[in-house]
Amino acid sequence: GFTVDEKGRKMSKSLGNVISPQDVVKKYGADVLRLWVASTDFRSDMSASDNILKQVNEAYTKIRNTCRFFMSNLGEFDHKKDAVPYSELLDIDKFALLELAKLIKKVTEAYESFELHIVFHAIRDFSINEMSAFYLDIIKDRLYCAGKCSLERRSAQTVLYTILNSLVRLFAPVLSFTAEDIWRHIHEGAHSVHLEGLP
């Protein structure tokens, strides 16, 4: 399809409705431009406007802020020493891993069929609904109030670490710069996330 404005008119210089990719990168960054491309269904006309790009930027910010919450609660967590075995995880933490498994299946199938808009919506919805609005809200008390090495806190941290590692690899093909920054933060001295496989 064509790239059209939010009114459905084909972009052209004569109409003055062209949006320059360079301007988008300057204003929002390359990952937001990449996310806009992934959010559109390339089989039909692709709408672009300042309002649409603002919405994509908001989705990007929510995904990034979810990852920031994960990282801020894993500061002293050493996965090799502190991880809790699956059999000892609290039920709500096991539930979060079940939601992650559903996300991995959906995103993997979407990548295999080149349905990038499904990748975008699945990761955005998972970050906002399953994580921020539900799971992360439930575990805040455990993370902030439970004993530093308690099972309750370590169980949540184990799951946060697992989800973050998977989420970053899932969105790395689209949010390549953000994924690399997060990966280097959680795996100091490690090779690039782009050398990793999907979870």
Foldseek 3Di string as FASTA:
>chain_A
DAEEEPVRHGDDVVVPQDDDPVVLCVVQNPLLVLLLVLQADVVDHRYDDPVSSVVSSVLVVLLLVLLVVLVVLCPPPDCVPQADDPVLADPLLVVLVVLLVVLLVQLVVCVVVVNSSSLSVSSSCCSVPVRPVPSVVVLVCVSPPNDPRDNSNSSNNNSSVVSSLQSLLSCCVRSVVSSQVSCCVVPPPDDGSVVDHHD
